[in-house]
Amino acid sequence: MAKKANHVVPSKEKGGWAVRKSGSTRASRSFDRKSDAVKYGRKLSKKEKTELYIHKKDGRIQDRNSYGKDPFPPKG
């Protein structure tokens, strides 16, 4: 089974930002500002206990956060 995650990605339709689930072609929700998309993505990932990948405008991963059970937690 594929690892579940949410992604904040640039939206091609409106030039804004979208929050998408891994493997999905449709966005869960679209936003004009990246900060709004990140806020919604965080809330969704915390609720679903999944990872959140935040992408740059060029599509590369800028940041990543784990809100679920982390298989490799940081050491003390």
C-alpha atoms as a PDB file:
ATOM      1  CA  MET A   1       0.000   0.000   0.000  1.00  0.00           C
ATOM      2  CA  ALA A   2       1.272   3.438  -0.900  1.00  0.00           C
ATOM      3  CA  LYS A   3       2.222   5.842   1.847  1.00  0.00           C
ATOM      4  CA  LYS A   4      -0.538   8.386   2.457  1.00  0.00           C
ATOM      5  CA  ALA A   5       0.375  12.058   2.287  1.00  0.00           C
ATOM      6  CA  ASN A   6      -0.931  15.473   1.350  1.00  0.00           C
ATOM      7  CA  HIS A   7       0.893  17.852  -0.983  1.00  0.00           C
ATOM      8  CA  VAL A   8       0.749  21.641  -1.306  1.00  0.00           C
ATOM      9  CA  VAL A   9       1.468  22.178  -5.004  1.00  0.00           C
ATOM     10  CA  PRO A  10       1.281  25.023  -7.530  1.00  0.00           C
ATOM     11  CA  SER A  11      -2.091  25.024  -9.290  1.00  0.00           C
ATOM     12  CA  LYS A  12      -1.920  25.049 -13.086  1.00  0.00           C
ATOM     13  CA  GLU A  13      -5.522  26.159 -13.640  1.00  0.00           C
ATOM     14  CA  LYS A  14      -5.598  29.376 -11.618  1.00  0.00           C
ATOM     15  CA  GLY A  15      -1.938  30.125 -10.996  1.00  0.00           C
ATOM     16  CA  GLY A  16      -2.542  29.718  -7.255  1.00  0.00           C
ATOM     17  CA  TRP A  17      -1.939  26.762  -4.953  1.00  0.00           C
ATOM     18  CA  ALA A  18      -3.715  23.468  -4.341  1.00  0.00           C
ATOM     19  CA  VAL A  19      -3.757  20.764  -1.670  1.00  0.00           C
ATOM     20  CA  ARG A  20      -3.738  17.261  -3.142  1.00  0.00           C
ATOM     21  CA  LYS A  21      -3.615  13.744  -1.735  1.00  0.00           C
ATOM     22  CA  SER A  22      -0.841  11.439  -2.963  1.00  0.00           C
ATOM     23  CA  GLY A  23      -1.801   9.696  -6.186  1.00  0.00           C
ATOM     24  CA  SER A  24      -4.778  11.973  -6.814  1.00  0.00           C
ATOM     25  CA  THR A  25      -5.192  14.022  -9.968  1.00  0.00           C
ATOM     26  CA  ARG A  26      -7.830  16.323  -8.473  1.00  0.00           C
ATOM     27  CA  ALA A  27      -7.146  18.871  -5.773  1.00  0.00           C
ATOM     28  CA  SER A  28      -8.853  18.619  -2.386  1.00  0.00           C
ATOM     29  CA  ARG A  29      -9.028  22.399  -2.365  1.00  0.00           C
ATOM     30  CA  SER A  30      -7.484  25.376  -4.224  1.00  0.00           C
ATOM     31  CA  PHE A  31      -6.198  28.686  -2.851  1.00  0.00           C
ATOM     32  CA  ASP A  32      -4.905  32.006  -4.163  1.00  0.00           C
ATOM     33  CA  ARG A  33      -2.104  32.208  -1.575  1.00  0.00           C
ATOM     34  CA  LYS A  34       0.434  29.564  -0.612  1.00  0.00           C
ATOM     35  CA  SER A  35       0.137  30.403   3.100  1.00  0.00           C
ATOM     36  CA  ASP A  36      -3.581  29.569   3.047  1.00  0.00           C
ATOM     37  CA  ALA A  37      -2.898  26.274   1.268  1.00  0.00           C
ATOM     38  CA  VAL A  38      -0.200  25.343   3.809  1.00  0.00           C
ATOM     39  CA  LYS A  39      -2.520  26.160   6.724  1.00  0.00           C
ATOM     40  CA  TYR A  40      -5.281  23.967   5.262  1.00  0.00           C
ATOM     41  CA  GLY A  41      -2.801  21.185   4.378  1.00  0.00           C
ATOM     42  CA  ARG A  42      -1.452  21.153   7.951  1.00  0.00           C
ATOM     43  CA  LYS A  43      -4.933  20.949   9.417  1.00  0.00           C
ATOM     44  CA  LEU A  44      -5.864  18.111   7.034  1.00  0.00           C
ATOM     45  CA  SER A  45      -2.631  16.186   7.663  1.00  0.00           C
ATOM     46  CA  LYS A  46      -2.987  16.462  11.435  1.00  0.00           C
ATOM     47  CA  LYS A  47      -6.570  15.199  11.207  1.00  0.00           C
ATOM     48  CA  GLU A  48      -5.592  12.271   8.931  1.00  0.00           C
ATOM     49  CA  LYS A  49      -2.247  11.644  10.716  1.00  0.00           C
ATOM     50  CA  THR A  50      -0.305  11.787   7.438  1.00  0.00           C
ATOM     51  CA  GLU A  51       2.733  13.583   6.056  1.00  0.00           C
ATOM     52  CA  LEU A  52       2.566  17.006   4.431  1.00  0.00           C
ATOM     53  CA  TYR A  53       4.839  17.896   1.518  1.00  0.00           C
ATOM     54  CA  ILE A  54       5.136  21.589   0.664  1.00  0.00           C
ATOM     55  CA  HIS A  55       6.385  22.216  -2.869  1.00  0.00           C
ATOM     56  CA  LYS A  56       8.040  25.281  -4.405  1.00  0.00           C
ATOM     57  CA  LYS A  57       6.613  27.068  -7.447  1.00  0.00           C
ATOM     58  CA  ASP A  58       8.871  24.936  -9.703  1.00  0.00           C
ATOM     59  CA  GLY A  59       7.448  21.716  -8.196  1.00  0.00           C
ATOM     60  CA  ARG A  60      10.455  20.693  -6.092  1.00  0.00           C
ATOM     61  CA  ILE A  61       9.861  19.811  -2.433  1.00  0.00           C
ATOM     62  CA  GLN A  62      10.567  22.759  -0.143  1.00  0.00           C
ATOM     63  CA  ASP A  63       9.556  21.271   3.208  1.00  0.00           C
ATOM     64  CA  ARG A  64       8.022  18.160   4.698  1.00  0.00           C
ATOM     65  CA  ASN A  65       6.274  17.488   8.002  1.00  0.00           C
ATOM     66  CA  SER A  66       5.051  14.285   9.586  1.00  0.00           C
ATOM     67  CA  TYR A  67       1.841  14.410  11.608  1.00  0.00           C
ATOM     68  CA  GLY A  68       1.350  10.673  11.944  1.00  0.00           C
ATOM     69  CA  LYS A  69       3.228   7.856  13.540  1.00  0.00           C
ATOM     70  CA  ASP A  70       6.802   8.584  12.477  1.00  0.00           C
ATOM     71  CA  PRO A  71       8.732   5.352  11.798  1.00  0.00           C
ATOM     72  CA  PHE A  72      12.029   7.230  12.362  1.00  0.00           C
ATOM     73  CA  PRO A  73      11.408   9.730  15.197  1.00  0.00           C
ATOM     74  CA  PRO A  74      14.210  12.170  16.114  1.00  0.00           C
ATOM     75  CA  LYS A  75      16.566  10.964  18.822  1.00  0.00           C
ATOM     76  CA  GLY A  76      16.497  12.818  22.136  1.00  0.00           C
END
